[in-house]
């Protein structure tokens, strides 16, 4: 489904799984939790946030596998992760369908 916003920019429906870090165009392709309507720029930004979250997960695993008593504290690592999760859910809430917005609000993350 596509819509045109006031500026004439096309919006498409996407189906998002935060847990899997996926933004899908086909709701049948995989399990998803949330539905949003994004223009191309918003889609790219959301993809970048998911990529950053994935990179953080990989860095955290590497950090703890190499140095279980490393320099970054758990609270520093968790703080960065929590900030990214909030950014992602904020974007999803801004562009979500009504059921998506209600779901995110029920999670009390924002």
PDB file of N, CA and C in Angstrom:
ATOM      1  N   UNK A   1       0.833  -1.177   0.000  1.00  0.00           N
ATOM      2  CA  UNK A   1       0.000   0.000   0.000  1.00  0.00           C
ATOM      3  C   UNK A   1       0.884   1.249   0.000  1.00  0.00           C
ATOM      4  N   UNK A   2       0.521   2.219  -0.800  1.00  0.00           N
ATOM      5  CA  UNK A   2       1.279   3.473  -0.840  1.00  0.00           C
ATOM      6  C   UNK A   2       0.320   4.639  -0.673  1.00  0.00           C
ATOM      7  N   UNK A   3       0.820   5.675  -0.079  1.00  0.00           N
ATOM      8  CA  UNK A   3       0.071   6.915   0.104  1.00  0.00           C
ATOM      9  C   UNK A   3       0.986   8.055  -0.288  1.00  0.00           C
ATOM     10  N   UNK A   4       0.380   9.187  -0.649  1.00  0.00           N
ATOM     11  CA  UNK A   4       1.167  10.395  -0.874  1.00  0.00           C
ATOM     12  C   UNK A   4       0.914  11.329   0.290  1.00  0.00           C
ATOM     13  N   UNK A   5       1.997  11.850   0.872  1.00  0.00           N
ATOM     14  CA  UNK A   5       1.830  12.820   1.945  1.00  0.00           C
ATOM     15  C   UNK A   5       1.711  14.203   1.336  1.00  0.00           C
ATOM     16  N   UNK A   6       1.530  15.218   2.159  1.00  0.00           N
ATOM     17  CA  UNK A   6       1.280  16.584   1.691  1.00  0.00           C
ATOM     18  C   UNK A   6       2.331  17.070   0.703  1.00  0.00           C
ATOM     19  N   UNK A   7       3.600  16.762   0.924  1.00  0.00           N
ATOM     20  CA  UNK A   7       4.666  17.210   0.037  1.00  0.00           C
ATOM     21  C   UNK A   7       4.785  16.398  -1.231  1.00  0.00           C
ATOM     22  N   UNK A   8       3.900  15.423  -1.423  1.00  0.00           N
ATOM     23  CA  UNK A   8       3.934  14.608  -2.619  1.00  0.00           C
ATOM     24  C   UNK A   8       4.875  13.419  -2.522  1.00  0.00           C
ATOM     25  N   UNK A   9       5.451  13.205  -1.342  1.00  0.00           N
ATOM     26  CA  UNK A   9       6.382  12.093  -1.180  1.00  0.00           C
ATOM     27  C   UNK A   9       5.606  10.812  -0.873  1.00  0.00           C
ATOM     28  N   UNK A  10       5.970   9.757  -1.539  1.00  0.00           N
ATOM     29  CA  UNK A  10       5.266   8.495  -1.411  1.00  0.00           C
ATOM     30  C   UNK A  10       5.594   7.790  -0.099  1.00  0.00           C
ATOM     31  N   UNK A  11       4.563   7.259   0.543  1.00  0.00           N
ATOM     32  CA  UNK A  11       4.708   6.444   1.749  1.00  0.00           C
ATOM     33  C   UNK A  11       4.273   5.026   1.432  1.00  0.00           C
ATOM     34  N   UNK A  12       4.997   4.084   2.006  1.00  0.00           N
ATOM     35  CA  UNK A  12       4.662   2.680   1.819  1.00  0.00           C
ATOM     36  C   UNK A  12       4.478   2.037   3.180  1.00  0.00           C
ATOM     37  N   UNK A  13       3.668   1.002   3.214  1.00  0.00           N
ATOM     38  CA  UNK A  13       3.504   0.233   4.440  1.00  0.00           C
ATOM     39  C   UNK A  13       4.666  -0.742   4.584  1.00  0.00           C
ATOM     40  N   UNK A  14       5.186  -0.797   5.791  1.00  0.00           N
ATOM     41  CA  UNK A  14       6.249  -1.747   6.131  1.00  0.00           C
ATOM     42  C   UNK A  14       5.833  -2.483   7.391  1.00  0.00           C
ATOM     43  N   UNK A  15       6.355  -3.694   7.518  1.00  0.00           N
ATOM     44  CA  UNK A  15       6.031  -4.564   8.631  1.00  0.00           C
ATOM     45  C   UNK A  15       7.335  -4.835   9.371  1.00  0.00           C
ATOM     46  N   UNK A  16       7.367  -4.469  10.659  1.00  0.00           N
ATOM     47  CA  UNK A  16       8.623  -4.392  11.396  1.00  0.00           C
ATOM     48  C   UNK A  16       8.655  -5.398  12.535  1.00  0.00           C
ATOM     49  N   UNK A  17       9.790  -6.077  12.642  1.00  0.00           N
ATOM     50  CA  UNK A  17      10.099  -6.891  13.807  1.00  0.00           C
ATOM     51  C   UNK A  17      11.329  -6.279  14.461  1.00  0.00           C
ATOM     52  N   UNK A  18      11.123  -5.639  15.610  1.00  0.00           N
ATOM     53  CA  UNK A  18      12.242  -5.023  16.320  1.00  0.00           C
ATOM     54  C   UNK A  18      13.190  -6.109  16.797  1.00  0.00           C
ATOM     55  N   UNK A  19      12.630  -7.176  17.329  1.00  0.00           N
ATOM     56  CA  UNK A  19      13.451  -8.261  17.861  1.00  0.00           C
ATOM     57  C   UNK A  19      14.375  -8.854  16.802  1.00  0.00           C
ATOM     58  N   UNK A  20      13.857  -9.026  15.588  1.00  0.00           N
ATOM     59  CA  UNK A  20      14.664  -9.596  14.506  1.00  0.00           C
ATOM     60  C   UNK A  20      15.433  -8.526  13.736  1.00  0.00           C
ATOM     61  N   UNK A  21      15.122  -7.256  13.981  1.00  0.00           N
ATOM     62  CA  UNK A  21      15.783  -6.176  13.254  1.00  0.00           C
ATOM     63  C   UNK A  21      15.390  -6.149  11.790  1.00  0.00           C
ATOM     64  N   UNK A  22      14.130  -6.476  11.505  1.00  0.00           N
ATOM     65  CA  UNK A  22      13.676  -6.565  10.120  1.00  0.00           C
ATOM     66  C   UNK A  22      12.635  -5.503   9.792  1.00  0.00           C
ATOM     67  N   UNK A  23      12.736  -4.993   8.563  1.00  0.00           N
ATOM     68  CA  UNK A  23      11.740  -4.083   8.003  1.00  0.00           C
ATOM     69  C   UNK A  23      11.296  -4.728   6.697  1.00  0.00           C
ATOM     70  N   UNK A  24      10.096  -5.224   6.670  1.00  0.00           N
ATOM     71  CA  UNK A  24       9.618  -6.010   5.533  1.00  0.00           C
ATOM     72  C   UNK A  24       8.547  -5.268   4.744  1.00  0.00           C
ATOM     73  N   UNK A  25       8.523  -5.492   3.433  1.00  0.00           N
ATOM     74  CA  UNK A  25       7.455  -4.941   2.604  1.00  0.00           C
ATOM     75  C   UNK A  25       6.305  -5.922   2.487  1.00  0.00           C
ATOM     76  N   UNK A  26       6.583  -7.193   2.670  1.00  0.00           N
ATOM     77  CA  UNK A  26       5.580  -8.245   2.536  1.00  0.00           C
ATOM     78  C   UNK A  26       5.218  -8.773   3.924  1.00  0.00           C
ATOM     79  N   UNK A  27       3.971  -8.577   4.350  1.00  0.00           N
ATOM     80  CA  UNK A  27       3.597  -9.026   5.687  1.00  0.00           C
ATOM     81  C   UNK A  27       3.618 -10.554   5.827  1.00  0.00           C
ATOM     82  N   UNK A  28       3.640 -11.258   4.714  1.00  0.00           N
ATOM     83  CA  UNK A  28       3.661 -12.718   4.752  1.00  0.00           C
ATOM     84  C   UNK A  28       5.083 -13.287   4.801  1.00  0.00           C
ATOM     85  N   UNK A  29       6.089 -12.443   4.625  1.00  0.00           N
ATOM     86  CA  UNK A  29       7.477 -12.904   4.509  1.00  0.00           C
ATOM     87  C   UNK A  29       8.027 -13.462   5.813  1.00  0.00           C
ATOM     88  N   UNK A  30       7.624 -12.903   6.925  1.00  0.00           N
ATOM     89  CA  UNK A  30       8.123 -13.351   8.229  1.00  0.00           C
ATOM     90  C   UNK A  30       7.227 -12.756   9.308  1.00  0.00           C
ATOM     91  N   UNK A  31       7.416 -13.232  10.520  1.00  0.00           N
ATOM     92  CA  UNK A  31       6.644 -12.693  11.640  1.00  0.00           C
ATOM     93  C   UNK A  31       7.053 -11.238  11.881  1.00  0.00           C
ATOM     94  N   UNK A  32       6.084 -10.412  12.185  1.00  0.00           N
ATOM     95  CA  UNK A  32       6.359  -9.002  12.492  1.00  0.00           C
ATOM     96  C   UNK A  32       5.459  -8.581  13.635  1.00  0.00           C
ATOM     97  N   UNK A  33       5.866  -7.506  14.323  1.00  0.00           N
ATOM     98  CA  UNK A  33       5.076  -7.016  15.445  1.00  0.00           C
ATOM     99  C   UNK A  33       4.315  -5.739  15.119  1.00  0.00           C
ATOM    100  N   UNK A  34       4.886  -4.904  14.248  1.00  0.00           N
ATOM    101  CA  UNK A  34       4.364  -3.555  14.072  1.00  0.00           C
ATOM    102  C   UNK A  34       4.232  -3.184  12.605  1.00  0.00           C
ATOM    103  N   UNK A  35       3.236  -2.337  12.297  1.00  0.00           N
ATOM    104  CA  UNK A  35       3.054  -1.847  10.933  1.00  0.00           C
ATOM    105  C   UNK A  35       3.223  -0.336  10.934  1.00  0.00           C
ATOM    106  N   UNK A  36       4.019   0.146   9.981  1.00  0.00           N
ATOM    107  CA  UNK A  36       4.288   1.570   9.859  1.00  0.00           C
ATOM    108  C   UNK A  36       4.148   2.016   8.412  1.00  0.00           C
ATOM    109  N   UNK A  37       4.031   3.325   8.225  1.00  0.00           N
ATOM    110  CA  UNK A  37       3.976   3.916   6.888  1.00  0.00           C
ATOM    111  C   UNK A  37       5.139   4.893   6.780  1.00  0.00           C
ATOM    112  N   UNK A  38       6.091   4.577   5.897  1.00  0.00           N
ATOM    113  CA  UNK A  38       7.327   5.353   5.805  1.00  0.00           C
ATOM    114  C   UNK A  38       7.577   5.844   4.390  1.00  0.00           C
ATOM    115  N   UNK A  39       8.217   7.024   4.294  1.00  0.00           N
ATOM    116  CA  UNK A  39       8.746   7.442   3.000  1.00  0.00           C
ATOM    117  C   UNK A  39      10.162   6.864   2.884  1.00  0.00           C
ATOM    118  N   UNK A  40      10.817   7.078   1.776  1.00  0.00           N
ATOM    119  CA  UNK A  40      12.126   6.473   1.541  1.00  0.00           C
ATOM    120  C   UNK A  40      13.162   6.918   2.580  1.00  0.00           C
ATOM    121  N   UNK A  41      13.169   8.205   2.892  1.00  0.00           N
ATOM    122  CA  UNK A  41      14.141   8.738   3.855  1.00  0.00           C
ATOM    123  C   UNK A  41      13.931   8.133   5.249  1.00  0.00           C
ATOM    124  N   UNK A  42      12.677   8.019   5.671  1.00  0.00           N
ATOM    125  CA  UNK A  42      12.370   7.424   6.974  1.00  0.00           C
ATOM    126  C   UNK A  42      12.747   5.949   7.004  1.00  0.00           C
ATOM    127  N   UNK A  43      12.525   5.261   5.885  1.00  0.00           N
ATOM    128  CA  UNK A  43      12.896   3.848   5.782  1.00  0.00           C
ATOM    129  C   UNK A  43      14.407   3.685   5.945  1.00  0.00           C
ATOM    130  N   UNK A  44      15.164   4.534   5.271  1.00  0.00           N
ATOM    131  CA  UNK A  44      16.633   4.480   5.360  1.00  0.00           C
ATOM    132  C   UNK A  44      17.092   4.751   6.789  1.00  0.00           C
ATOM    133  N   UNK A  45      16.522   5.753   7.432  1.00  0.00           N
ATOM    134  CA  UNK A  45      16.902   6.108   8.806  1.00  0.00           C
ATOM    135  C   UNK A  45      16.601   4.962   9.768  1.00  0.00           C
ATOM    136  N   UNK A  46      15.438   4.335   9.619  1.00  0.00           N
ATOM    137  CA  UNK A  46      15.086   3.207  10.479  1.00  0.00           C
ATOM    138  C   UNK A  46      16.034   2.036  10.248  1.00  0.00           C
ATOM    139  N   UNK A  47      16.369   1.795   8.978  1.00  0.00           N
ATOM    140  CA  UNK A  47      17.318   0.727   8.650  1.00  0.00           C
ATOM    141  C   UNK A  47      18.670   1.004   9.316  1.00  0.00           C
ATOM    142  N   UNK A  48      19.112   2.271   9.281  1.00  0.00           N
ATOM    143  CA  UNK A  48      20.384   2.646   9.910  1.00  0.00           C
ATOM    144  C   UNK A  48      20.349   2.406  11.413  1.00  0.00           C
ATOM    145  N   UNK A  49      19.214   2.710  12.056  1.00  0.00           N
ATOM    146  CA  UNK A  49      19.096   2.464  13.495  1.00  0.00           C
ATOM    147  C   UNK A  49      19.186   0.968  13.809  1.00  0.00           C
ATOM    148  N   UNK A  50      18.532   0.151  12.974  1.00  0.00           N
ATOM    149  CA  UNK A  50      18.628  -1.305  13.168  1.00  0.00           C
ATOM    150  C   UNK A  50      20.056  -1.801  12.941  1.00  0.00           C
ATOM    151  N   UNK A  51      20.733  -1.243  11.933  1.00  0.00           N
ATOM    152  CA  UNK A  51      22.126  -1.630  11.675  1.00  0.00           C
ATOM    153  C   UNK A  51      23.015  -1.258  12.852  1.00  0.00           C
ATOM    154  N   UNK A  52      22.775  -0.079  13.412  1.00  0.00           N
ATOM    155  CA  UNK A  52      23.553   0.371  14.564  1.00  0.00           C
ATOM    156  C   UNK A  52      23.299  -0.529  15.775  1.00  0.00           C
ATOM    157  N   UNK A  53      22.054  -0.928  15.962  1.00  0.00           N
ATOM    158  CA  UNK A  53      21.705  -1.827  17.055  1.00  0.00           C
ATOM    159  C   UNK A  53      22.379  -3.177  16.874  1.00  0.00           C
ATOM    160  N   UNK A  54      22.385  -3.673  15.651  1.00  0.00           N
ATOM    161  CA  UNK A  54      23.047  -4.941  15.353  1.00  0.00           C
ATOM    162  C   UNK A  54      24.548  -4.848  15.597  1.00  0.00           C
ATOM    163  N   UNK A  55      25.150  -3.747  15.176  1.00  0.00           N
ATOM    164  CA  UNK A  55      26.580  -3.533  15.401  1.00  0.00           C
ATOM    165  C   UNK A  55      26.888  -3.474  16.893  1.00  0.00           C
ATOM    166  N   UNK A  56      25.995  -2.848  17.652  1.00  0.00           N
ATOM    167  CA  UNK A  56      26.193  -2.759  19.095  1.00  0.00           C
ATOM    168  C   UNK A  56      26.124  -4.149  19.727  1.00  0.00           C
ATOM    169  N   UNK A  57      25.179  -4.975  19.268  1.00  0.00           N
ATOM    170  CA  UNK A  57      25.080  -6.347  19.772  1.00  0.00           C
ATOM    171  C   UNK A  57      26.370  -7.114  19.502  1.00  0.00           C
ATOM    172  N   UNK A  58      26.894  -6.979  18.280  1.00  0.00           N
ATOM    173  CA  UNK A  58      28.132  -7.674  17.919  1.00  0.00           C
ATOM    174  C   UNK A  58      29.314  -7.165  18.740  1.00  0.00           C
ATOM    175  N   UNK A  59      29.406  -5.865  18.924  1.00  0.00           N
ATOM    176  CA  UNK A  59      30.502  -5.284  19.703  1.00  0.00           C
ATOM    177  C   UNK A  59      30.420  -5.728  21.154  1.00  0.00           C
ATOM    178  N   UNK A  60      29.209  -5.808  21.674  1.00  0.00           N
ATOM    179  CA  UNK A  60      29.023  -6.248  23.066  1.00  0.00           C
ATOM    180  C   UNK A  60      29.475  -7.700  23.221  1.00  0.00           C
ATOM    181  N   UNK A  61      29.098  -8.552  22.275  1.00  0.00           N
ATOM    182  CA  UNK A  61      29.527  -9.952  22.352  1.00  0.00           C
ATOM    183  C   UNK A  61      31.041 -10.058  22.263  1.00  0.00           C
ATOM    184  N   UNK A  62      31.654  -9.316  21.356  1.00  0.00           N
ATOM    185  CA  UNK A  62      33.101  -9.335  21.200  1.00  0.00           C
ATOM    186  C   UNK A  62      33.776  -8.810  22.466  1.00  0.00           C
ATOM    187  N   UNK A  63      33.263  -7.729  23.010  1.00  0.00           N
ATOM    188  CA  UNK A  63      33.822  -7.116  24.219  1.00  0.00           C
ATOM    189  C   UNK A  63      33.847  -8.131  25.369  1.00  0.00           C
ATOM    190  N   UNK A  64      32.722  -8.808  25.579  1.00  0.00           N
ATOM    191  CA  UNK A  64      32.658  -9.730  26.710  1.00  0.00           C
ATOM    192  C   UNK A  64      33.372 -11.045  26.451  1.00  0.00           C
ATOM    193  N   UNK A  65      33.490 -11.452  25.195  1.00  0.00           N
ATOM    194  CA  UNK A  65      34.212 -12.698  24.918  1.00  0.00           C
ATOM    195  C   UNK A  65      35.714 -12.503  25.063  1.00  0.00           C
ATOM    196  N   UNK A  66      36.202 -11.302  24.754  1.00  0.00           N
ATOM    197  CA  UNK A  66      37.636 -11.049  24.845  1.00  0.00           C
ATOM    198  C   UNK A  66      38.052 -10.581  26.224  1.00  0.00           C
ATOM    199  N   UNK A  67      37.195  -9.857  26.895  1.00  0.00           N
ATOM    200  CA  UNK A  67      37.568  -9.276  28.176  1.00  0.00           C
ATOM    201  C   UNK A  67      36.339  -9.185  29.077  1.00  0.00           C
ATOM    202  N   UNK A  68      36.069 -10.246  29.829  1.00  0.00           N
ATOM    203  CA  UNK A  68      34.874 -10.220  30.662  1.00  0.00           C
ATOM    204  C   UNK A  68      34.892  -9.103  31.702  1.00  0.00           C
ATOM    205  N   UNK A  69      36.071  -8.565  31.989  1.00  0.00           N
ATOM    206  CA  UNK A  69      36.174  -7.460  32.940  1.00  0.00           C
ATOM    207  C   UNK A  69      36.667  -6.211  32.220  1.00  0.00           C
ATOM    208  N   UNK A  70      36.108  -5.960  31.021  1.00  0.00           N
ATOM    209  CA  UNK A  70      36.565  -4.869  30.159  1.00  0.00           C
ATOM    210  C   UNK A  70      36.294  -3.496  30.745  1.00  0.00           C
ATOM    211  N   UNK A  71      36.659  -2.477  29.994  1.00  0.00           N
ATOM    212  CA  UNK A  71      36.606  -1.103  30.483  1.00  0.00           C
ATOM    213  C   UNK A  71      35.194  -0.525  30.481  1.00  0.00           C
ATOM    214  N   UNK A  72      34.350  -0.950  29.564  1.00  0.00           N
ATOM    215  CA  UNK A  72      32.987  -0.427  29.527  1.00  0.00           C
ATOM    216  C   UNK A  72      32.129  -1.178  30.538  1.00  0.00           C
ATOM    217  N   UNK A  73      31.439  -0.448  31.373  1.00  0.00           N
ATOM    218  CA  UNK A  73      30.596  -1.089  32.377  1.00  0.00           C
ATOM    219  C   UNK A  73      29.308  -1.582  31.734  1.00  0.00           C
ATOM    220  N   UNK A  74      28.646  -2.495  32.413  1.00  0.00           N
ATOM    221  CA  UNK A  74      27.354  -2.986  31.937  1.00  0.00           C
ATOM    222  C   UNK A  74      26.384  -1.828  31.761  1.00  0.00           C
ATOM    223  N   UNK A  75      26.397  -0.883  32.703  1.00  0.00           N
ATOM    224  CA  UNK A  75      25.443   0.227  32.621  1.00  0.00           C
ATOM    225  C   UNK A  75      25.735   1.129  31.420  1.00  0.00           C
ATOM    226  N   UNK A  76      27.011   1.308  31.055  1.00  0.00           N
ATOM    227  CA  UNK A  76      27.350   2.106  29.872  1.00  0.00           C
ATOM    228  C   UNK A  76      26.861   1.412  28.604  1.00  0.00           C
ATOM    229  N   UNK A  77      27.098   0.119  28.519  1.00  0.00           N
ATOM    230  CA  UNK A  77      26.672  -0.648  27.342  1.00  0.00           C
ATOM    231  C   UNK A  77      25.146  -0.666  27.264  1.00  0.00           C
ATOM    232  N   UNK A  78      24.493  -0.966  28.398  1.00  0.00           N
ATOM    233  CA  UNK A  78      23.031  -1.019  28.412  1.00  0.00           C
ATOM    234  C   UNK A  78      22.422   0.342  28.122  1.00  0.00           C
ATOM    235  N   UNK A  79      23.059   1.422  28.584  1.00  0.00           N
ATOM    236  CA  UNK A  79      22.550   2.763  28.326  1.00  0.00           C
ATOM    237  C   UNK A  79      22.515   3.085  26.844  1.00  0.00           C
ATOM    238  N   UNK A  80      23.573   2.733  26.125  1.00  0.00           N
ATOM    239  CA  UNK A  80      23.613   2.955  24.680  1.00  0.00           C
ATOM    240  C   UNK A  80      22.576   2.122  23.960  1.00  0.00           C
ATOM    241  N   UNK A  81      22.427   0.885  24.393  1.00  0.00           N
ATOM    242  CA  UNK A  81      21.445  -0.022  23.800  1.00  0.00           C
ATOM    243  C   UNK A  81      20.029   0.511  24.044  1.00  0.00           C
ATOM    244  N   UNK A  82      19.754   0.904  25.283  1.00  0.00           N
ATOM    245  CA  UNK A  82      18.430   1.429  25.625  1.00  0.00           C
ATOM    246  C   UNK A  82      18.104   2.680  24.821  1.00  0.00           C
ATOM    247  N   UNK A  83      19.097   3.547  24.628  1.00  0.00           N
ATOM    248  CA  UNK A  83      18.895   4.768  23.848  1.00  0.00           C
ATOM    249  C   UNK A  83      18.508   4.434  22.414  1.00  0.00           C
ATOM    250  N   UNK A  84      19.202   3.469  21.817  1.00  0.00           N
ATOM    251  CA  UNK A  84      18.872   3.066  20.440  1.00  0.00           C
ATOM    252  C   UNK A  84      17.473   2.467  20.355  1.00  0.00           C
ATOM    253  N   UNK A  85      17.134   1.620  21.302  1.00  0.00           N
ATOM    254  CA  UNK A  85      15.793   1.010  21.317  1.00  0.00           C
ATOM    255  C   UNK A  85      14.729   2.107  21.416  1.00  0.00           C
ATOM    256  N   UNK A  86      14.964   3.089  22.262  1.00  0.00           N
ATOM    257  CA  UNK A  86      13.994   4.191  22.381  1.00  0.00           C
ATOM    258  C   UNK A  86      13.881   4.970  21.078  1.00  0.00           C
ATOM    259  N   UNK A  87      15.001   5.221  20.414  1.00  0.00           N
ATOM    260  CA  UNK A  87      14.962   5.926  19.126  1.00  0.00           C
ATOM    261  C   UNK A  87      14.137   5.139  18.107  1.00  0.00           C
ATOM    262  N   UNK A  88      14.358   3.826  18.080  1.00  0.00           N
ATOM    263  CA  UNK A  88      13.627   2.966  17.136  1.00  0.00           C
ATOM    264  C   UNK A  88      12.134   3.014  17.435  1.00  0.00           C
ATOM    265  N   UNK A  89      11.770   2.798  18.688  1.00  0.00           N
ATOM    266  CA  UNK A  89      10.340   2.793  19.026  1.00  0.00           C
ATOM    267  C   UNK A  89       9.702   4.165  18.845  1.00  0.00           C
ATOM    268  N   UNK A  90      10.445   5.237  19.056  1.00  0.00           N
ATOM    269  CA  UNK A  90       9.925   6.582  18.829  1.00  0.00           C
ATOM    270  C   UNK A  90       9.570   6.755  17.346  1.00  0.00           C
ATOM    271  N   UNK A  91      10.485   6.334  16.460  1.00  0.00           N
ATOM    272  CA  UNK A  91      10.231   6.415  15.007  1.00  0.00           C
ATOM    273  C   UNK A  91       9.012   5.574  14.632  1.00  0.00           C
ATOM    274  N   UNK A  92       8.957   4.354  15.178  1.00  0.00           N
ATOM    275  CA  UNK A  92       7.843   3.464  14.860  1.00  0.00           C
ATOM    276  C   UNK A  92       6.525   4.045  15.361  1.00  0.00           C
ATOM    277  N   UNK A  93       6.544   4.686  16.511  1.00  0.00           N
ATOM    278  CA  UNK A  93       5.335   5.293  17.054  1.00  0.00           C
ATOM    279  C   UNK A  93       4.887   6.465  16.185  1.00  0.00           C
ATOM    280  N   UNK A  94       5.840   7.284  15.746  1.00  0.00           N
ATOM    281  CA  UNK A  94       5.518   8.450  14.903  1.00  0.00           C
ATOM    282  C   UNK A  94       4.813   8.038  13.618  1.00  0.00           C
ATOM    283  N   UNK A  95       5.238   6.941  13.023  1.00  0.00           N
ATOM    284  CA  UNK A  95       4.728   6.539  11.709  1.00  0.00           C
ATOM    285  C   UNK A  95       3.891   5.269  11.743  1.00  0.00           C
ATOM    286  N   UNK A  96       3.530   4.836  12.942  1.00  0.00           N
ATOM    287  CA  UNK A  96       2.784   3.592  13.069  1.00  0.00           C
ATOM    288  C   UNK A  96       1.302   3.742  12.803  1.00  0.00           C
ATOM    289  N   UNK A  97       0.676   2.610  12.525  1.00  0.00           N
ATOM    290  CA  UNK A  97      -0.781   2.554  12.440  1.00  0.00           C
ATOM    291  C   UNK A  97      -1.325   2.736  13.857  1.00  0.00           C
ATOM    292  N   UNK A  98      -2.611   2.931  13.994  1.00  0.00           N
ATOM    293  CA  UNK A  98      -3.197   3.093  15.329  1.00  0.00           C
ATOM    294  C   UNK A  98      -2.916   1.881  16.227  1.00  0.00           C
ATOM    295  N   UNK A  99      -3.078   0.637  15.730  1.00  0.00           N
ATOM    296  CA  UNK A  99      -2.736  -0.512  16.589  1.00  0.00           C
ATOM    297  C   UNK A  99      -1.256  -0.526  16.990  1.00  0.00           C
ATOM    298  N   UNK A 100      -0.384  -0.107  16.087  1.00  0.00           N
ATOM    299  CA  UNK A 100       1.050  -0.035  16.396  1.00  0.00           C
ATOM    300  C   UNK A 100       1.292   0.996  17.496  1.00  0.00           C
ATOM    301  N   UNK A 101       0.682   2.158  17.369  1.00  0.00           N
ATOM    302  CA  UNK A 101       0.853   3.203  18.387  1.00  0.00           C
ATOM    303  C   UNK A 101       0.354   2.730  19.749  1.00  0.00           C
ATOM    304  N   UNK A 102      -0.814   2.091  19.768  1.00  0.00           N
ATOM    305  CA  UNK A 102      -1.360   1.592  21.034  1.00  0.00           C
ATOM    306  C   UNK A 102      -0.437   0.552  21.657  1.00  0.00           C
ATOM    307  N   UNK A 103       0.112  -0.338  20.818  1.00  0.00           N
ATOM    308  CA  UNK A 103       1.016  -1.380  21.319  1.00  0.00           C
ATOM    309  C   UNK A 103       2.266  -0.757  21.945  1.00  0.00           C
ATOM    310  N   UNK A 104       2.868   0.194  21.255  1.00  0.00           N
ATOM    311  CA  UNK A 104       4.082   0.843  21.765  1.00  0.00           C
ATOM    312  C   UNK A 104       3.768   1.607  23.054  1.00  0.00           C
ATOM    313  N   UNK A 105       2.633   2.283  23.089  1.00  0.00           N
ATOM    314  CA  UNK A 105       2.249   2.997  24.303  1.00  0.00           C
ATOM    315  C   UNK A 105       2.039   2.037  25.471  1.00  0.00           C
ATOM    316  N   UNK A 106       1.509   0.855  25.190  1.00  0.00           N
ATOM    317  CA  UNK A 106       1.287  -0.131  26.259  1.00  0.00           C
ATOM    318  C   UNK A 106       2.607  -0.667  26.825  1.00  0.00           C
ATOM    319  N   UNK A 107       3.673  -0.559  26.038  1.00  0.00           N
ATOM    320  CA  UNK A 107       4.990  -1.025  26.487  1.00  0.00           C
ATOM    321  C   UNK A 107       5.644  -0.027  27.452  1.00  0.00           C
ATOM    322  N   UNK A 108       5.149   1.199  27.476  1.00  0.00           N
ATOM    323  CA  UNK A 108       5.632   2.278  28.341  1.00  0.00           C
ATOM    324  C   UNK A 108       7.141   2.503  28.200  1.00  0.00           C
ATOM    325  N   UNK A 109       7.604   2.543  26.952  1.00  0.00           N
ATOM    326  CA  UNK A 109       9.025   2.794  26.667  1.00  0.00           C
ATOM    327  C   UNK A 109       9.306   4.251  26.397  1.00  0.00           C
ATOM    328  N   UNK A 110       8.317   4.998  25.979  1.00  0.00           N
ATOM    329  CA  UNK A 110       8.535   6.385  25.567  1.00  0.00           C
ATOM    330  C   UNK A 110       8.144   7.367  26.651  1.00  0.00           C
TER     331      UNK A 110
END
